[in-house]
């Protein structure tokens, strides 16, 4: 709810509760850099965090349903976050 926060950038290895994530109310643009896209990467993320990495297709569907942008690289994630934070929300309401 902080008015100084314009965009949310998430570095995600996995989720402990997909249901909670899907029920989260999002009112600002969100960019996610989801790591562990491959099966090997998913296993590495799970061993590191103890969270479920899950199927990449499930994450893609969830992000799409929630209107979340999925970045493929750090450069893309920070570029989108910067661009979204500089936008003028009042200009987009017309």
C-alpha atoms as a PDB file:
ATOM      1  CA  UNK A   1       0.000   0.000   0.000  1.00  0.00           C
ATOM      2  CA  UNK A   2       3.079   2.259   0.075  1.00  0.00           C
ATOM      3  CA  UNK A   3       2.469   5.056  -2.470  1.00  0.00           C
ATOM      4  CA  UNK A   4       6.214   5.235  -3.130  1.00  0.00           C
ATOM      5  CA  UNK A   5       6.240   1.663  -4.440  1.00  0.00           C
ATOM      6  CA  UNK A   6       5.221   1.719  -8.103  1.00  0.00           C
ATOM      7  CA  UNK A   7       6.159  -1.814  -9.175  1.00  0.00           C
ATOM      8  CA  UNK A   8       6.810  -5.128  -7.460  1.00  0.00           C
ATOM      9  CA  UNK A   9       9.748  -7.246  -8.628  1.00  0.00           C
ATOM     10  CA  UNK A  10       9.922 -10.822  -7.375  1.00  0.00           C
ATOM     11  CA  UNK A  11      12.853 -13.226  -7.642  1.00  0.00           C
ATOM     12  CA  UNK A  12      11.092 -16.559  -7.216  1.00  0.00           C
ATOM     13  CA  UNK A  13      12.603 -19.974  -6.669  1.00  0.00           C
ATOM     14  CA  UNK A  14       9.309 -21.643  -5.766  1.00  0.00           C
ATOM     15  CA  UNK A  15       6.167 -21.416  -3.688  1.00  0.00           C
ATOM     16  CA  UNK A  16       5.153 -23.011  -0.429  1.00  0.00           C
ATOM     17  CA  UNK A  17       1.452 -22.261  -0.978  1.00  0.00           C
ATOM     18  CA  UNK A  18       0.227 -21.830  -4.511  1.00  0.00           C
ATOM     19  CA  UNK A  19      -3.299 -21.218  -3.226  1.00  0.00           C
ATOM     20  CA  UNK A  20      -2.194 -18.262  -1.087  1.00  0.00           C
ATOM     21  CA  UNK A  21      -0.260 -16.837  -4.029  1.00  0.00           C
ATOM     22  CA  UNK A  22      -3.294 -17.101  -6.323  1.00  0.00           C
ATOM     23  CA  UNK A  23      -5.523 -15.405  -3.734  1.00  0.00           C
ATOM     24  CA  UNK A  24      -3.189 -12.442  -3.242  1.00  0.00           C
ATOM     25  CA  UNK A  25      -4.747  -9.115  -4.200  1.00  0.00           C
ATOM     26  CA  UNK A  26      -2.409  -7.333  -6.576  1.00  0.00           C
ATOM     27  CA  UNK A  27      -2.909  -3.623  -7.184  1.00  0.00           C
ATOM     28  CA  UNK A  28       0.447  -2.726  -8.738  1.00  0.00           C
ATOM     29  CA  UNK A  29       2.363  -4.072 -11.708  1.00  0.00           C
ATOM     30  CA  UNK A  30       4.291  -7.233 -10.846  1.00  0.00           C
ATOM     31  CA  UNK A  31       7.334  -8.640 -12.626  1.00  0.00           C
ATOM     32  CA  UNK A  32       8.581 -12.106 -11.669  1.00  0.00           C
ATOM     33  CA  UNK A  33      11.937 -13.635 -12.458  1.00  0.00           C
ATOM     34  CA  UNK A  34      11.138 -17.307 -11.847  1.00  0.00           C
ATOM     35  CA  UNK A  35      14.239 -19.452 -11.727  1.00  0.00           C
ATOM     36  CA  UNK A  36      14.355 -23.221 -12.036  1.00  0.00           C
ATOM     37  CA  UNK A  37      12.616 -23.398 -15.397  1.00  0.00           C
ATOM     38  CA  UNK A  38      14.225 -26.706 -16.313  1.00  0.00           C
ATOM     39  CA  UNK A  39      13.729 -29.928 -14.365  1.00  0.00           C
ATOM     40  CA  UNK A  40      17.346 -29.731 -13.207  1.00  0.00           C
ATOM     41  CA  UNK A  41      16.900 -26.115 -12.112  1.00  0.00           C
ATOM     42  CA  UNK A  42      13.679 -26.954 -10.288  1.00  0.00           C
ATOM     43  CA  UNK A  43      15.449 -29.682  -8.303  1.00  0.00           C
ATOM     44  CA  UNK A  44      18.262 -27.298  -7.404  1.00  0.00           C
ATOM     45  CA  UNK A  45      15.779 -24.642  -6.218  1.00  0.00           C
ATOM     46  CA  UNK A  46      13.847 -27.183  -4.157  1.00  0.00           C
ATOM     47  CA  UNK A  47      17.007 -28.423  -2.452  1.00  0.00           C
ATOM     48  CA  UNK A  48      18.090 -24.836  -1.715  1.00  0.00           C
ATOM     49  CA  UNK A  49      14.813 -23.416  -0.374  1.00  0.00           C
ATOM     50  CA  UNK A  50      12.709 -26.423   0.539  1.00  0.00           C
ATOM     51  CA  UNK A  51       9.859 -24.992  -1.541  1.00  0.00           C
ATOM     52  CA  UNK A  52       8.151 -26.671  -4.435  1.00  0.00           C
ATOM     53  CA  UNK A  53       9.401 -25.468  -7.767  1.00  0.00           C
ATOM     54  CA  UNK A  54       6.582 -27.195  -9.656  1.00  0.00           C
ATOM     55  CA  UNK A  55       5.835 -27.347 -13.328  1.00  0.00           C
ATOM     56  CA  UNK A  56       6.927 -24.359 -15.357  1.00  0.00           C
ATOM     57  CA  UNK A  57       3.654 -24.523 -17.310  1.00  0.00           C
ATOM     58  CA  UNK A  58       1.689 -24.129 -14.069  1.00  0.00           C
ATOM     59  CA  UNK A  59       3.675 -21.019 -13.174  1.00  0.00           C
ATOM     60  CA  UNK A  60       3.130 -19.562 -16.649  1.00  0.00           C
ATOM     61  CA  UNK A  61      -0.627 -20.121 -16.362  1.00  0.00           C
ATOM     62  CA  UNK A  62      -0.786 -18.631 -12.852  1.00  0.00           C
ATOM     63  CA  UNK A  63       1.223 -15.559 -13.858  1.00  0.00           C
ATOM     64  CA  UNK A  64      -0.976 -15.032 -16.898  1.00  0.00           C
ATOM     65  CA  UNK A  65      -4.156 -15.352 -14.834  1.00  0.00           C
ATOM     66  CA  UNK A  66      -2.869 -12.796 -12.315  1.00  0.00           C
ATOM     67  CA  UNK A  67      -1.569 -10.380 -14.963  1.00  0.00           C
ATOM     68  CA  UNK A  68       2.054 -10.856 -13.879  1.00  0.00           C
ATOM     69  CA  UNK A  69       4.883 -10.271 -16.335  1.00  0.00           C
ATOM     70  CA  UNK A  70       7.404 -13.103 -16.372  1.00  0.00           C
ATOM     71  CA  UNK A  71      10.946 -12.005 -17.112  1.00  0.00           C
ATOM     72  CA  UNK A  72      13.445 -14.454 -18.570  1.00  0.00           C
ATOM     73  CA  UNK A  73      16.598 -12.616 -17.473  1.00  0.00           C
ATOM     74  CA  UNK A  74      17.749 -10.209 -14.763  1.00  0.00           C
ATOM     75  CA  UNK A  75      18.165  -7.513 -17.404  1.00  0.00           C
ATOM     76  CA  UNK A  76      14.598  -7.991 -18.618  1.00  0.00           C
ATOM     77  CA  UNK A  77      13.220  -8.033 -15.054  1.00  0.00           C
ATOM     78  CA  UNK A  78      14.920  -4.807 -14.043  1.00  0.00           C
ATOM     79  CA  UNK A  79      14.138  -3.132 -17.382  1.00  0.00           C
ATOM     80  CA  UNK A  80      10.416  -3.885 -17.114  1.00  0.00           C
ATOM     81  CA  UNK A  81      10.355  -2.858 -13.456  1.00  0.00           C
ATOM     82  CA  UNK A  82      12.044   0.433 -14.236  1.00  0.00           C
ATOM     83  CA  UNK A  83       9.730   1.175 -17.165  1.00  0.00           C
ATOM     84  CA  UNK A  84       6.621   0.336 -15.149  1.00  0.00           C
ATOM     85  CA  UNK A  85       7.744   2.434 -12.195  1.00  0.00           C
ATOM     86  CA  UNK A  86       8.200   5.473 -14.451  1.00  0.00           C
ATOM     87  CA  UNK A  87       4.749   5.277 -16.022  1.00  0.00           C
ATOM     88  CA  UNK A  88       2.115   7.872 -15.244  1.00  0.00           C
ATOM     89  CA  UNK A  89      -0.931   6.003 -13.849  1.00  0.00           C
ATOM     90  CA  UNK A  90      -3.271   8.990 -14.352  1.00  0.00           C
ATOM     91  CA  UNK A  91      -2.425   9.072 -18.075  1.00  0.00           C
ATOM     92  CA  UNK A  92      -3.398   5.400 -18.393  1.00  0.00           C
ATOM     93  CA  UNK A  93      -6.944   5.952 -17.006  1.00  0.00           C
ATOM     94  CA  UNK A  94      -8.206   7.866 -20.041  1.00  0.00           C
END
